[in-house]
Amino acid sequence: MGNIKAGDDMFFTITMAEVLEDQGHYEDALMIYKILIDTTPWDQSLNLRMDKLKSLAERGKRRPQKQDTVA
């Protein structure tokens, strides 16, 4: 992906941002979070998610994968 813009024909949701983040597309995920913050400024959880992602992007690390537990 790359260079997502508000006029693009795609869904801008937290889920889409999370998928992009999981795939290592940090810049695209950050852009979606910015769009969501602009459209829902009262949702402070978006700012927290974006700050966490910025930190990950600066360190150049992928988000840790959820580990399956065996019962």
PDB file of N, CA and C in Angstrom:
ATOM      1  N   MET A   1       0.841  -1.166   0.000  1.00  0.00           N
ATOM      2  CA  MET A   1       0.000   0.000   0.000  1.00  0.00           C
ATOM      3  C   MET A   1       0.885   1.225   0.000  1.00  0.00           C
ATOM      4  N   GLY A   2       0.390   2.312   0.400  1.00  0.00           N
ATOM      5  CA  GLY A   2       1.203   3.506   0.547  1.00  0.00           C
ATOM      6  C   GLY A   2       0.422   4.744   0.189  1.00  0.00           C
ATOM      7  N   ASN A   3       0.668   5.779   0.950  1.00  0.00           N
ATOM      8  CA  ASN A   3       0.060   7.079   0.676  1.00  0.00           C
ATOM      9  C   ASN A   3      -1.458   7.046   0.642  1.00  0.00           C
ATOM     10  N   ILE A   4      -2.061   6.513   1.668  1.00  0.00           N
ATOM     11  CA  ILE A   4      -3.515   6.523   1.772  1.00  0.00           C
ATOM     12  C   ILE A   4      -3.980   7.948   1.988  1.00  0.00           C
ATOM     13  N   LYS A   5      -5.055   8.322   1.303  1.00  0.00           N
ATOM     14  CA  LYS A   5      -5.625   9.658   1.434  1.00  0.00           C
ATOM     15  C   LYS A   5      -7.104   9.532   1.755  1.00  0.00           C
ATOM     16  N   ALA A   6      -7.656  10.598   2.342  1.00  0.00           N
ATOM     17  CA  ALA A   6      -9.061  10.586   2.742  1.00  0.00           C
ATOM     18  C   ALA A   6      -9.989  10.349   1.551  1.00  0.00           C
ATOM     19  N   GLY A   7      -9.621  10.735   0.351  1.00  0.00           N
ATOM     20  CA  GLY A   7     -10.469  10.561  -0.818  1.00  0.00           C
ATOM     21  C   GLY A   7     -10.384   9.184  -1.450  1.00  0.00           C
ATOM     22  N   ASP A   8      -9.501   8.336  -0.942  1.00  0.00           N
ATOM     23  CA  ASP A   8      -9.361   6.990  -1.504  1.00  0.00           C
ATOM     24  C   ASP A   8     -10.627   6.180  -1.264  1.00  0.00           C
ATOM     25  N   ASP A   9     -10.862   5.233  -2.142  1.00  0.00           N
ATOM     26  CA  ASP A   9     -12.047   4.391  -2.045  1.00  0.00           C
ATOM     27  C   ASP A   9     -11.742   3.188  -1.163  1.00  0.00           C
ATOM     28  N   MET A  10     -11.710   3.426   0.144  1.00  0.00           N
ATOM     29  CA  MET A  10     -11.505   2.337   1.087  1.00  0.00           C
ATOM     30  C   MET A  10     -12.125   2.730   2.416  1.00  0.00           C
ATOM     31  N   PHE A  11     -12.308   1.760   3.262  1.00  0.00           N
ATOM     32  CA  PHE A  11     -12.911   2.000   4.557  1.00  0.00           C
ATOM     33  C   PHE A  11     -11.850   2.455   5.545  1.00  0.00           C
ATOM     34  N   PHE A  12     -12.123   3.542   6.227  1.00  0.00           N
ATOM     35  CA  PHE A  12     -11.207   4.025   7.249  1.00  0.00           C
ATOM     36  C   PHE A  12     -11.778   3.660   8.610  1.00  0.00           C
ATOM     37  N   THR A  13     -11.341   2.531   9.120  1.00  0.00           N
ATOM     38  CA  THR A  13     -11.825   2.030  10.397  1.00  0.00           C
ATOM     39  C   THR A  13     -10.636   1.656  11.273  1.00  0.00           C
ATOM     40  N   ILE A  14     -10.904   1.511  12.552  1.00  0.00           N
ATOM     41  CA  ILE A  14      -9.860   1.059  13.467  1.00  0.00           C
ATOM     42  C   ILE A  14      -9.360  -0.320  13.041  1.00  0.00           C
ATOM     43  N   THR A  15     -10.281  -1.169  12.610  1.00  0.00           N
ATOM     44  CA  THR A  15      -9.894  -2.515  12.174  1.00  0.00           C
ATOM     45  C   THR A  15      -8.928  -2.457  10.992  1.00  0.00           C
ATOM     46  N   MET A  16      -9.208  -1.590  10.027  1.00  0.00           N
ATOM     47  CA  MET A  16      -8.305  -1.464   8.871  1.00  0.00           C
ATOM     48  C   MET A  16      -6.931  -0.969   9.328  1.00  0.00           C
ATOM     49  N   ALA A  17      -6.911  -0.005  10.233  1.00  0.00           N
ATOM     50  CA  ALA A  17      -5.632   0.487  10.752  1.00  0.00           C
ATOM     51  C   ALA A  17      -4.876  -0.630  11.468  1.00  0.00           C
ATOM     52  N   GLU A  18      -5.579  -1.441  12.231  1.00  0.00           N
ATOM     53  CA  GLU A  18      -4.937  -2.557  12.935  1.00  0.00           C
ATOM     54  C   GLU A  18      -4.375  -3.588  11.963  1.00  0.00           C
ATOM     55  N   VAL A  19      -5.117  -3.880  10.912  1.00  0.00           N
ATOM     56  CA  VAL A  19      -4.640  -4.838   9.900  1.00  0.00           C
ATOM     57  C   VAL A  19      -3.355  -4.309   9.259  1.00  0.00           C
ATOM     58  N   LEU A  20      -3.364  -3.043   8.871  1.00  0.00           N
ATOM     59  CA  LEU A  20      -2.175  -2.450   8.261  1.00  0.00           C
ATOM     60  C   LEU A  20      -1.002  -2.449   9.234  1.00  0.00           C
ATOM     61  N   GLU A  21      -1.290  -2.153  10.491  1.00  0.00           N
ATOM     62  CA  GLU A  21      -0.246  -2.173  11.513  1.00  0.00           C
ATOM     63  C   GLU A  21       0.343  -3.572  11.652  1.00  0.00           C
ATOM     64  N   ASP A  22      -0.519  -4.582  11.717  1.00  0.00           N
ATOM     65  CA  ASP A  22      -0.055  -5.971  11.821  1.00  0.00           C
ATOM     66  C   ASP A  22       0.809  -6.375  10.633  1.00  0.00           C
ATOM     67  N   GLN A  23       0.525  -5.807   9.476  1.00  0.00           N
ATOM     68  CA  GLN A  23       1.284  -6.122   8.267  1.00  0.00           C
ATOM     69  C   GLN A  23       2.553  -5.279   8.146  1.00  0.00           C
ATOM     70  N   GLY A  24       2.764  -4.375   9.091  1.00  0.00           N
ATOM     71  CA  GLY A  24       3.960  -3.544   9.067  1.00  0.00           C
ATOM     72  C   GLY A  24       3.825  -2.283   8.242  1.00  0.00           C
ATOM     73  N   HIS A  25       2.619  -1.943   7.806  1.00  0.00           N
ATOM     74  CA  HIS A  25       2.381  -0.723   7.028  1.00  0.00           C
ATOM     75  C   HIS A  25       2.059   0.423   7.988  1.00  0.00           C
ATOM     76  N   TYR A  26       3.081   0.831   8.737  1.00  0.00           N
ATOM     77  CA  TYR A  26       2.878   1.813   9.801  1.00  0.00           C
ATOM     78  C   TYR A  26       2.406   3.167   9.287  1.00  0.00           C
ATOM     79  N   GLU A  27       2.994   3.645   8.225  1.00  0.00           N
ATOM     80  CA  GLU A  27       2.608   4.968   7.703  1.00  0.00           C
ATOM     81  C   GLU A  27       1.136   4.978   7.286  1.00  0.00           C
ATOM     82  N   ASP A  28       0.687   3.921   6.635  1.00  0.00           N
ATOM     83  CA  ASP A  28      -0.716   3.844   6.219  1.00  0.00           C
ATOM     84  C   ASP A  28      -1.633   3.758   7.435  1.00  0.00           C
ATOM     85  N   ALA A  29      -1.245   2.969   8.422  1.00  0.00           N
ATOM     86  CA  ALA A  29      -2.048   2.855   9.644  1.00  0.00           C
ATOM     87  C   ALA A  29      -2.115   4.203  10.359  1.00  0.00           C
ATOM     88  N   LEU A  30      -0.987   4.909  10.420  1.00  0.00           N
ATOM     89  CA  LEU A  30      -0.983   6.228  11.049  1.00  0.00           C
ATOM     90  C   LEU A  30      -1.899   7.201  10.318  1.00  0.00           C
ATOM     91  N   MET A  31      -1.910   7.130   9.001  1.00  0.00           N
ATOM     92  CA  MET A  31      -2.771   8.020   8.221  1.00  0.00           C
ATOM     93  C   MET A  31      -4.241   7.745   8.532  1.00  0.00           C
ATOM     94  N   ILE A  32      -4.607   6.488   8.646  1.00  0.00           N
ATOM     95  CA  ILE A  32      -5.996   6.152   8.976  1.00  0.00           C
ATOM     96  C   ILE A  32      -6.342   6.659  10.372  1.00  0.00           C
ATOM     97  N   TYR A  33      -5.430   6.466  11.328  1.00  0.00           N
ATOM     98  CA  TYR A  33      -5.696   6.986  12.676  1.00  0.00           C
ATOM     99  C   TYR A  33      -5.877   8.503  12.648  1.00  0.00           C
ATOM    100  N   LYS A  34      -5.057   9.207  11.872  1.00  0.00           N
ATOM    101  CA  LYS A  34      -5.199  10.662  11.771  1.00  0.00           C
ATOM    102  C   LYS A  34      -6.562  11.048  11.205  1.00  0.00           C
ATOM    103  N   ILE A  35      -7.009  10.333  10.188  1.00  0.00           N
ATOM    104  CA  ILE A  35      -8.326  10.605   9.591  1.00  0.00           C
ATOM    105  C   ILE A  35      -9.423  10.334  10.617  1.00  0.00           C
ATOM    106  N   LEU A  36      -9.307   9.222  11.337  1.00  0.00           N
ATOM    107  CA  LEU A  36     -10.310   8.892  12.350  1.00  0.00           C
ATOM    108  C   LEU A  36     -10.331   9.920  13.481  1.00  0.00           C
ATOM    109  N   ILE A  37      -9.160  10.398  13.871  1.00  0.00           N
ATOM    110  CA  ILE A  37      -9.080  11.420  14.922  1.00  0.00           C
ATOM    111  C   ILE A  37      -9.741  12.715  14.452  1.00  0.00           C
ATOM    112  N   ASP A  38      -9.543  13.066  13.198  1.00  0.00           N
ATOM    113  CA  ASP A  38     -10.172  14.274  12.652  1.00  0.00           C
ATOM    114  C   ASP A  38     -11.688  14.159  12.625  1.00  0.00           C
ATOM    115  N   THR A  39     -12.190  12.955  12.382  1.00  0.00           N
ATOM    116  CA  THR A  39     -13.645  12.782  12.261  1.00  0.00           C
ATOM    117  C   THR A  39     -14.313  12.431  13.591  1.00  0.00           C
ATOM    118  N   THR A  40     -13.528  11.938  14.566  1.00  0.00           N
ATOM    119  CA  THR A  40     -14.076  11.609  15.885  1.00  0.00           C
ATOM    120  C   THR A  40     -13.129  12.104  16.976  1.00  0.00           C
ATOM    121  N   PRO A  41     -12.992  13.433  17.115  1.00  0.00           N
ATOM    122  CA  PRO A  41     -12.010  13.985  18.057  1.00  0.00           C
ATOM    123  C   PRO A  41     -12.288  13.642  19.521  1.00  0.00           C
ATOM    124  N   TRP A  42     -13.490  13.227  19.858  1.00  0.00           N
ATOM    125  CA  TRP A  42     -13.817  12.886  21.240  1.00  0.00           C
ATOM    126  C   TRP A  42     -13.296  11.510  21.643  1.00  0.00           C
ATOM    127  N   ASP A  43     -12.865  10.692  20.690  1.00  0.00           N
ATOM    128  CA  ASP A  43     -12.380   9.344  20.996  1.00  0.00           C
ATOM    129  C   ASP A  43     -10.889   9.396  21.321  1.00  0.00           C
ATOM    130  N   GLN A  44     -10.574   9.527  22.606  1.00  0.00           N
ATOM    131  CA  GLN A  44      -9.182   9.638  23.037  1.00  0.00           C
ATOM    132  C   GLN A  44      -8.384   8.356  22.832  1.00  0.00           C
ATOM    133  N   SER A  45      -9.063   7.221  22.705  1.00  0.00           N
ATOM    134  CA  SER A  45      -8.344   5.964  22.497  1.00  0.00           C
ATOM    135  C   SER A  45      -7.580   5.979  21.167  1.00  0.00           C
ATOM    136  N   LEU A  46      -8.076   6.734  20.202  1.00  0.00           N
ATOM    137  CA  LEU A  46      -7.384   6.827  18.915  1.00  0.00           C
ATOM    138  C   LEU A  46      -6.031   7.514  19.069  1.00  0.00           C
ATOM    139  N   ASN A  47      -5.985   8.552  19.896  1.00  0.00           N
ATOM    140  CA  ASN A  47      -4.709   9.225  20.145  1.00  0.00           C
ATOM    141  C   ASN A  47      -3.718   8.286  20.816  1.00  0.00           C
ATOM    142  N   LEU A  48      -4.204   7.485  21.748  1.00  0.00           N
ATOM    143  CA  LEU A  48      -3.327   6.525  22.418  1.00  0.00           C
ATOM    144  C   LEU A  48      -2.793   5.488  21.432  1.00  0.00           C
ATOM    145  N   ARG A  49      -3.661   4.997  20.558  1.00  0.00           N
ATOM    146  CA  ARG A  49      -3.238   4.025  19.542  1.00  0.00           C
ATOM    147  C   ARG A  49      -2.190   4.637  18.603  1.00  0.00           C
ATOM    148  N   MET A  50      -2.435   5.883  18.197  1.00  0.00           N
ATOM    149  CA  MET A  50      -1.518   6.535  17.277  1.00  0.00           C
ATOM    150  C   MET A  50      -0.159   6.778  17.944  1.00  0.00           C
ATOM    151  N   ASP A  51      -0.166   7.204  19.199  1.00  0.00           N
ATOM    152  CA  ASP A  51       1.097   7.417  19.904  1.00  0.00           C
ATOM    153  C   ASP A  51       1.885   6.121  20.036  1.00  0.00           C
ATOM    154  N   LYS A  52       1.186   5.026  20.345  1.00  0.00           N
ATOM    155  CA  LYS A  52       1.844   3.723  20.451  1.00  0.00           C
ATOM    156  C   LYS A  52       2.443   3.313  19.109  1.00  0.00           C
ATOM    157  N   LEU A  53       1.696   3.518  18.052  1.00  0.00           N
ATOM    158  CA  LEU A  53       2.171   3.140  16.724  1.00  0.00           C
ATOM    159  C   LEU A  53       3.352   4.007  16.295  1.00  0.00           C
ATOM    160  N   LYS A  54       3.308   5.289  16.614  1.00  0.00           N
ATOM    161  CA  LYS A  54       4.443   6.164  16.296  1.00  0.00           C
ATOM    162  C   LYS A  54       5.703   5.656  16.984  1.00  0.00           C
ATOM    163  N   SER A  55       5.557   5.249  18.226  1.00  0.00           N
ATOM    164  CA  SER A  55       6.693   4.717  18.974  1.00  0.00           C
ATOM    165  C   SER A  55       7.246   3.459  18.312  1.00  0.00           C
ATOM    166  N   LEU A  56       6.349   2.569  17.894  1.00  0.00           N
ATOM    167  CA  LEU A  56       6.788   1.351  17.206  1.00  0.00           C
ATOM    168  C   LEU A  56       7.488   1.680  15.891  1.00  0.00           C
ATOM    169  N   ALA A  57       6.918   2.614  15.152  1.00  0.00           N
ATOM    170  CA  ALA A  57       7.491   2.976  13.847  1.00  0.00           C
ATOM    171  C   ALA A  57       8.876   3.585  14.018  1.00  0.00           C
ATOM    172  N   GLU A  58       9.044   4.394  15.056  1.00  0.00           N
ATOM    173  CA  GLU A  58      10.348   5.018  15.296  1.00  0.00           C
ATOM    174  C   GLU A  58      11.402   3.991  15.651  1.00  0.00           C
ATOM    175  N   ARG A  59      10.998   2.952  16.355  1.00  0.00           N
ATOM    176  CA  ARG A  59      11.947   1.896  16.713  1.00  0.00           C
ATOM    177  C   ARG A  59      12.159   0.911  15.587  1.00  0.00           C
ATOM    178  N   GLY A  60      11.281   0.975  14.581  1.00  0.00           N
ATOM    179  CA  GLY A  60      11.418   0.079  13.433  1.00  0.00           C
ATOM    180  C   GLY A  60      11.057  -1.354  13.750  1.00  0.00           C
ATOM    181  N   LYS A  61      10.224  -1.543  14.767  1.00  0.00           N
ATOM    182  CA  LYS A  61       9.841  -2.900  15.147  1.00  0.00           C
ATOM    183  C   LYS A  61       8.418  -3.166  14.724  1.00  0.00           C
ATOM    184  N   ARG A  62       8.164  -4.388  14.397  1.00  0.00           N
ATOM    185  CA  ARG A  62       6.793  -4.813  14.108  1.00  0.00           C
ATOM    186  C   ARG A  62       6.067  -5.027  15.417  1.00  0.00           C
ATOM    187  N   ARG A  63       4.765  -4.873  15.362  1.00  0.00           N
ATOM    188  CA  ARG A  63       3.925  -5.134  16.523  1.00  0.00           C
ATOM    189  C   ARG A  63       4.038  -6.612  16.863  1.00  0.00           C
ATOM    190  N   PRO A  64       4.253  -6.927  18.141  1.00  0.00           N
ATOM    191  CA  PRO A  64       4.358  -8.356  18.508  1.00  0.00           C
ATOM    192  C   PRO A  64       3.100  -9.109  18.139  1.00  0.00           C
ATOM    193  N   GLN A  65       3.280 -10.287  17.583  1.00  0.00           N
ATOM    194  CA  GLN A  65       2.150 -11.112  17.182  1.00  0.00           C
ATOM    195  C   GLN A  65       1.538 -11.752  18.417  1.00  0.00           C
ATOM    196  N   LYS A  66       0.221 -11.892  18.412  1.00  0.00           N
ATOM    197  CA  LYS A  66      -0.464 -12.566  19.512  1.00  0.00           C
ATOM    198  C   LYS A  66      -0.097 -14.053  19.451  1.00  0.00           C
ATOM    199  N   GLN A  67       0.251 -14.585  20.586  1.00  0.00           N
ATOM    200  CA  GLN A  67       0.645 -15.980  20.626  1.00  0.00           C
ATOM    201  C   GLN A  67      -0.554 -16.841  20.976  1.00  0.00           C
ATOM    202  N   ASP A  68      -0.666 -17.944  20.264  1.00  0.00           N
ATOM    203  CA  ASP A  68      -1.746 -18.893  20.550  1.00  0.00           C
ATOM    204  C   ASP A  68      -1.345 -19.704  21.780  1.00  0.00           C
ATOM    205  N   THR A  69      -2.296 -19.893  22.644  1.00  0.00           N
ATOM    206  CA  THR A  69      -2.035 -20.723  23.818  1.00  0.00           C
ATOM    207  C   THR A  69      -2.630 -22.096  23.599  1.00  0.00           C
ATOM    208  N   VAL A  70      -1.913 -23.065  24.041  1.00  0.00           N
ATOM    209  CA  VAL A  70      -2.373 -24.455  23.897  1.00  0.00           C
ATOM    210  C   VAL A  70      -2.896 -24.896  25.252  1.00  0.00           C
ATOM    211  N   ALA A  71      -4.122 -25.380  25.258  1.00  0.00           N
ATOM    212  CA  ALA A  71      -4.731 -25.812  26.528  1.00  0.00           C
ATOM    213  C   ALA A  71      -4.414 -27.239  26.836  1.00  0.00           C
TER     214      ALA A  71
END
